[in-house]
Protein backbone atom coordinates (compact mmCIF):
# COMPACT_ATOMS: atom_id res chain seq x y z
CA MET A 1 3.23 11.32 16.75
CA SER A 2 2.26 9.60 13.51
CA ASN A 3 3.74 6.34 12.26
CA ILE A 4 4.67 6.24 8.59
CA LEU A 5 5.72 3.28 6.46
CA ILE A 6 7.98 4.22 3.54
CA ILE A 7 8.10 1.84 0.59
CA ASP A 8 10.61 2.58 -2.16
CA SER A 9 12.68 0.35 -4.44
CA GLU A 10 15.53 2.88 -4.68
CA PRO A 11 17.85 2.45 -1.63
CA THR A 12 19.22 6.02 -1.73
CA GLN A 13 15.72 7.49 -1.98
CA LEU A 14 14.55 5.28 0.87
CA ILE A 15 17.38 6.47 3.13
CA ALA A 16 16.77 10.11 2.23
CA LEU A 17 13.03 9.87 2.82
CA GLU A 18 13.45 8.17 6.17
CA ALA A 19 15.95 10.80 7.36
CA VAL A 20 13.84 13.77 6.26
CA ILE A 21 10.52 12.44 7.59
CA LYS A 22 12.08 11.51 10.94
CA GLY A 23 13.50 15.02 11.06
CA TRP A 24 9.92 16.32 10.89
CA GLY A 25 9.13 14.40 14.08
CA TYR A 26 7.47 11.28 12.66
CA ARG A 27 8.19 7.66 13.49
CA CYS A 28 9.18 5.71 10.38
CA ARG A 29 9.83 2.21 9.16
CA ALA A 30 11.13 1.41 5.70
CA ALA A 31 10.63 -1.35 3.15
CA GLY A 32 12.36 -1.80 -0.18
CA SER A 33 9.82 -4.13 -1.78
CA ALA A 34 6.15 -5.06 -1.73
CA LYS A 35 6.96 -8.32 0.05
CA ALA A 36 8.87 -6.50 2.79
CA ALA A 37 6.05 -3.96 3.12
CA ARG A 38 3.42 -6.66 3.61
CA LYS A 39 5.60 -8.24 6.29
CA ARG A 40 6.01 -4.89 8.07
CA LEU A 41 2.28 -4.16 7.97
CA GLU A 42 1.33 -7.58 9.30
CA GLU A 43 4.06 -7.65 11.97
CA ASP A 44 2.97 -4.23 13.22
CA ASP A 45 -0.75 -5.04 12.97
CA PHE A 46 -1.24 -2.18 10.47
CA ALA A 47 -0.39 0.33 13.22
CA TYR A 48 0.55 3.04 10.72
CA ASP A 49 -1.16 6.33 9.99
CA ALA A 50 0.15 6.74 6.45
CA VAL A 51 2.01 4.78 3.79
CA LEU A 52 4.33 6.47 1.32
CA LEU A 53 4.25 4.03 -1.60
CA ASP A 54 6.59 3.93 -4.61
CA TRP A 55 4.27 3.33 -7.58
CA GLY A 56 7.29 2.18 -9.61
CA LEU A 57 7.94 -1.04 -7.72
CA PRO A 58 8.95 -3.79 -10.21
CA ASN A 59 6.34 -5.88 -12.06
CA SER A 60 3.36 -3.70 -11.08
CA GLU A 61 3.92 -4.56 -7.43
CA GLY A 62 2.94 -1.04 -6.37
CA LEU A 63 -0.60 -1.45 -7.71
CA GLU A 64 -0.87 -5.00 -6.36
CA LEU A 65 0.27 -3.86 -2.92
CA LEU A 66 -2.27 -1.02 -2.86
CA GLU A 67 -5.04 -3.44 -3.84
CA TRP A 68 -3.93 -5.83 -1.09
CA ILE A 69 -3.84 -3.03 1.51
CA ASN A 70 -7.39 -2.01 0.60
CA ARG A 71 -8.65 -5.56 1.11
CA GLN A 72 -7.40 -5.71 4.70
CA PRO A 73 -10.03 -4.83 7.34
CA ARG A 74 -7.33 -3.36 9.61
CA SER A 75 -6.28 -0.81 6.99
CA SER A 76 -9.49 1.23 6.98
CA ASP A 77 -7.81 4.31 8.56
CA LEU A 78 -4.60 4.02 6.57
CA GLU A 79 -3.89 6.87 4.17
CA VAL A 80 -1.74 6.04 1.14
CA ILE A 81 0.44 8.63 -0.60
CA ILE A 82 1.69 7.53 -4.01
CA GLN A 83 5.07 8.69 -5.29
CA SER A 84 6.11 8.00 -8.88
CA ARG A 85 8.38 9.17 -11.67
CA ARG A 86 5.41 8.98 -14.03
CA ASP A 87 2.68 11.60 -14.24
CA VAL A 88 0.59 9.70 -16.79
CA PRO A 89 -3.11 10.51 -16.13
CA GLN A 90 -4.09 6.84 -16.45
CA ASP A 91 -1.66 5.88 -13.67
CA ILE A 92 -2.94 8.65 -11.42
CA ARG A 93 -6.55 7.74 -12.18
CA GLU A 94 -5.86 4.09 -11.29
CA ALA A 95 -4.22 5.08 -8.00
CA ILE A 96 -7.20 7.24 -7.04
CA HIS A 97 -9.61 4.49 -8.08
CA GLN A 98 -7.80 2.21 -5.63
CA GLY A 99 -8.22 4.74 -2.82
CA ALA A 100 -4.89 6.63 -2.89
CA TYR A 101 -6.06 10.26 -2.95
CA TYR A 102 -2.54 11.68 -2.57
CA TYR A 103 -0.04 11.54 -5.45
CA LEU A 104 3.46 12.98 -5.88
CA THR A 105 5.61 12.93 -9.01
CA LYS A 106 9.35 12.46 -8.53
CA PRO A 107 11.41 14.56 -8.19
CA TYR A 108 9.43 16.73 -5.80
CA GLU A 109 10.21 19.38 -3.20
CA TRP A 110 10.23 18.35 0.47
CA PRO A 111 7.54 20.95 1.39
CA GLN A 112 5.18 19.24 -1.10
CA LEU A 113 5.65 15.91 0.66
CA ARG A 114 5.22 17.44 4.10
CA ALA A 115 1.97 19.17 3.03
CA LEU A 116 0.56 15.87 1.73
CA ILE A 117 1.55 14.02 4.91
CA GLN A 118 -0.20 16.69 6.98
CA ALA A 119 -3.29 16.45 4.75
CA ALA A 120 -3.27 12.67 5.13
CA GLU A 121 -3.04 13.08 8.91
CA SER A 122 -6.07 15.38 8.91
CA SER A 123 -8.04 12.89 6.82
CA ARG A 124 -7.05 10.03 9.12
CA ASP A 125 -8.04 11.99 12.23
CA LEU A 126 -11.38 12.83 10.67
CA LYS A 127 -12.10 9.18 9.87
CA ARG A 128 -11.21 8.07 13.37
CA SER A 129 -13.24 10.81 14.99
CA LEU A 130 -16.33 9.96 12.97
CA LYS A 131 -16.00 6.23 13.54
CA GLN A 132 -15.70 6.83 17.26
CA ARG A 133 -18.81 9.00 17.26
CA VAL A 134 -20.74 6.45 15.22
CA SER A 135 -19.88 3.76 17.76
CA GLU A 136 -21.07 5.98 20.62
CA ILE A 137 -24.30 7.52 19.37
CA GLN A 138 -27.74 6.01 19.40
CA ASP A 139 -29.05 6.04 15.85
CA ILE A 140 -32.21 8.11 15.42
CA VAL A 141 -31.78 9.34 11.84
CA ARG A 142 -33.07 6.04 10.49
CA LEU A 143 -36.38 6.67 12.26
CA LEU A 144 -36.95 10.17 10.86
CA ASP A 145 -39.48 10.98 8.16
CA THR A 146 -38.49 14.60 7.49
CA ALA A 147 -36.18 16.98 9.33
CA THR A 148 -34.26 20.24 8.88
CA LEU A 149 -30.97 21.08 10.59
CA GLU A 150 -28.83 24.21 10.49
CA LEU A 151 -25.11 24.41 11.26
CA ARG A 152 -22.30 26.91 10.89
CA ARG A 153 -19.14 25.15 12.09
CA ILE A 154 -17.22 22.11 10.90
CA ASP A 155 -17.42 20.42 14.31
CA GLU A 156 -21.21 20.67 14.07
CA ALA A 157 -21.03 19.15 10.59
CA GLU A 158 -19.07 16.23 12.07
CA VAL A 159 -21.90 15.51 14.52
CA VAL A 160 -24.43 15.43 11.66
CA ALA A 161 -22.15 13.21 9.57
CA ALA A 162 -21.65 10.78 12.45
CA HIS A 163 -25.40 10.26 12.76
CA LEU A 164 -25.69 9.79 9.01
CA GLY A 165 -22.90 7.23 9.06
CA ALA A 166 -24.74 5.37 11.82
CA ALA A 167 -28.01 5.48 9.88
CA ALA A 168 -26.27 4.11 6.78
CA GLY A 169 -24.45 1.45 8.77
CA ASP A 170 -21.17 2.66 7.21
CA PRO A 171 -19.04 5.46 8.73
CA GLN A 172 -17.37 5.97 5.34
CA LEU A 173 -20.68 7.18 3.88
CA GLY A 174 -20.95 9.67 6.73
CA ILE A 175 -17.45 10.90 5.85
CA ALA A 176 -18.54 11.34 2.23
CA VAL A 177 -21.45 13.58 3.29
CA LEU A 178 -19.15 15.42 5.68
CA GLU A 179 -16.91 16.42 2.77
CA LEU A 180 -19.91 18.14 1.17
CA LEU A 181 -20.86 19.82 4.44
CA ILE A 182 -17.30 21.12 4.87
CA ASN A 183 -17.41 22.53 1.34
CA ALA A 184 -20.64 24.33 2.21
CA VAL A 185 -19.08 25.88 5.33
CA GLU A 186 -15.63 26.85 4.11
CA HIS A 187 -16.17 27.56 0.42
CA GLY A 188 -19.85 28.57 0.51
CA ASN A 189 -20.52 30.52 3.70
CA LEU A 190 -16.95 31.64 4.44
CA GLY A 191 -15.91 32.30 0.86
CA ILE A 192 -12.54 30.51 1.01
CA SER A 193 -11.67 29.78 -2.62
CA TYR A 194 -9.81 26.69 -3.78
CA GLU A 195 -6.68 28.75 -4.47
CA GLU A 196 -6.89 30.49 -1.08
CA LYS A 197 -7.17 27.17 0.71
CA SER A 198 -4.09 25.89 -1.13
CA ALA A 199 -2.08 28.93 -0.01
CA LEU A 200 -3.41 28.72 3.56
CA ARG A 201 -2.55 25.03 3.80
CA GLU A 202 0.95 25.70 2.49
CA SER A 203 1.53 28.50 5.01
CA GLY A 204 -0.01 26.59 7.92
CA ARG A 205 -2.62 29.32 8.50
CA TYR A 206 -5.73 27.44 7.40
CA GLU A 207 -7.19 26.74 10.87
CA GLN A 208 -6.53 30.29 12.03
CA GLU A 209 -8.15 31.78 8.92
CA LEU A 210 -11.16 29.50 9.32
CA GLU A 211 -11.76 30.70 12.88
CA GLU A 212 -11.26 34.35 11.92
CA ARG A 213 -13.82 34.11 9.14
CA LEU A 214 -16.30 32.29 11.35
CA GLU A 215 -16.10 35.15 13.85
CA ALA A 216 -16.26 37.91 11.22
CA GLU A 217 -19.40 40.03 11.53
CA GLU A 218 -20.56 39.33 7.97
CA ASN A 219 -20.44 35.56 8.53
CA ARG A 220 -21.92 35.14 12.01
CA ASP A 221 -25.47 34.61 10.78
CA LYS A 222 -24.61 32.39 7.81
CA LEU A 223 -25.88 28.86 8.27
CA VAL A 224 -25.72 25.69 6.20
CA LYS A 225 -29.20 24.19 5.93
CA VAL A 226 -29.54 20.39 5.74
CA VAL A 227 -32.97 19.03 4.83
CA PHE A 228 -33.70 15.30 5.17
CA LYS A 229 -36.57 13.34 3.68
CA ARG A 230 -36.97 9.61 3.98
CA VAL A 231 -37.91 7.86 0.73
CA GLY A 232 -38.21 4.11 1.10
CA ASP A 233 -34.85 2.63 2.05
CA HIS A 234 -32.81 5.82 1.68
CA LEU A 235 -32.60 9.45 2.75
CA ASP A 236 -32.78 12.32 0.29
CA ILE A 237 -30.54 15.06 1.67
CA LEU A 238 -30.41 18.64 0.39
CA ILE A 239 -27.46 20.74 1.58
CA SER A 240 -27.70 24.51 0.98
CA ASP A 241 -25.20 27.23 1.82
CA ARG A 242 -25.33 31.05 1.67
CA GLY A 243 -22.57 31.42 -0.92
CA ALA A 244 -22.85 32.54 -4.53
CA GLY A 245 -22.10 29.07 -5.86
CA PHE A 246 -19.04 27.82 -7.72
CA ASP A 247 -17.97 26.07 -10.91
CA TYR A 248 -18.68 22.62 -9.53
CA GLY A 249 -18.11 20.98 -12.91
CA ARG A 250 -14.35 21.34 -12.32
CA PHE A 251 -14.54 18.98 -9.36
CA LEU A 252 -16.95 16.28 -10.51
CA ASP A 253 -14.35 14.17 -12.30
CA PHE A 254 -10.70 13.28 -12.05
CA ASP A 255 -8.41 16.18 -12.97
CA PRO A 256 -4.66 15.39 -13.25
CA ASN A 257 -3.86 19.10 -12.87
CA ARG A 258 -5.14 19.12 -9.26
CA VAL A 259 -4.04 15.68 -8.13
CA PHE A 260 -0.81 17.01 -6.60
CA ASP A 261 -2.64 19.52 -4.38
CA SER A 262 -3.06 18.81 -0.66
CA HIS A 263 -6.87 19.14 -0.84
CA GLY A 264 -9.73 19.18 -3.35
CA ARG A 265 -10.73 15.51 -3.30
CA GLY A 266 -13.91 15.79 -1.23
CA VAL A 267 -16.42 15.99 -4.08
CA LEU A 268 -14.63 13.17 -5.92
CA LEU A 269 -14.75 11.02 -2.78
CA ALA A 270 -18.46 11.73 -2.22
CA ARG A 271 -19.37 10.95 -5.84
CA GLY A 272 -17.44 7.70 -5.65
CA LEU A 273 -19.59 6.48 -2.75
CA LEU A 274 -22.99 8.18 -3.13
CA GLU A 275 -25.41 9.61 -5.65
CA VAL A 276 -24.54 13.32 -5.68
CA GLU A 277 -26.16 16.08 -7.76
CA PHE A 278 -25.13 19.74 -7.64
CA LEU A 279 -27.83 22.29 -8.43
CA ASP A 280 -27.03 25.56 -10.17
CA PRO A 281 -25.33 27.83 -9.31
CA GLY A 282 -23.51 25.36 -7.05
CA ASN A 283 -24.64 26.41 -3.57
CA ARG A 284 -27.00 23.44 -3.24
CA VAL A 285 -26.23 19.74 -3.50
CA ARG A 286 -28.60 16.79 -3.33
CA VAL A 287 -27.37 13.48 -1.88
CA ARG A 288 -28.99 10.06 -1.79
CA LEU A 289 -27.93 8.12 1.32
CA PRO A 290 -28.87 4.43 1.62
CA LEU A 291 -30.18 3.38 5.03
CA ALA A 292 -28.96 0.24 6.75
CA GLN A 293 -31.51 -2.44 7.42
CA PRO A 294 -32.18 -2.97 11.15
CA GLU A 295 -30.84 -6.53 10.96
CA ALA A 296 -27.57 -5.32 9.42
CA GLN A 297 -27.16 -2.63 12.05
CA ALA A 298 -27.80 -5.06 14.87
CA GLY A 299 -25.23 -7.43 13.42
CA SER A 300 -22.58 -4.71 13.08
CA ARG A 301 -23.11 -3.57 16.68
CA SER A 302 -22.82 -7.12 18.06
CA ARG A 303 -19.36 -7.62 16.51
């Protein structure tokens, strides 16, 4: 059961949110100000899975609180969902820049909120899974000169991403590559369009559809190819899928028309952390992954 911290300056909205979210089976705590939210987070040692943050807190406190949360080492797995009465692109862009990839404009429908909470849970679980794998594996990627891997499932992509995160000395960089690998599997090889994924997420059938397409006869031999080449202090990675490509230009930059969707932030996340270049027609992407220096890796493992 996930723990959610609700921060809202409107008492009636705070009460309503807490009642509805608890009704969905979540544990909740509430705060009516940035000061109260900081106190809650510190008292509970940041033991929350998601924060629902009112962007309209007085005197820009919403932005300041988000910046403060992002500076705390214990908040690395915390997903922040912004809610606001304003849908000004600059506000949304600033929230995303500060790491809040989920944004709702008031008033909204309860199913919208529930879909975003579920998406945030999935993202949190993915981060934790990868970090756990990085802490367990013995890094060999850093020692490779060239290599080629093939995968067809998302769990296989997670294994690859965990090794890449270890090689980079930063699990978050592994997560960024994983987003591109997932795109190659679900959108490339399996042909799940952006619009189809939105509908599947909303209906709760996404996982079932993914498995059905993986087992479909026409998809059983489709593999994502990942080619590595070491160049100095980084890895050049080329990810290729068997799809027909897509209009990747739509996803390279911030788009306020998609910000309220429960998915579609993977390419934006990857480009924010790594050098990423899509090759026409969109079924190949080149990534530059920096490698951690041995001294840095040894230091991180000793902590």
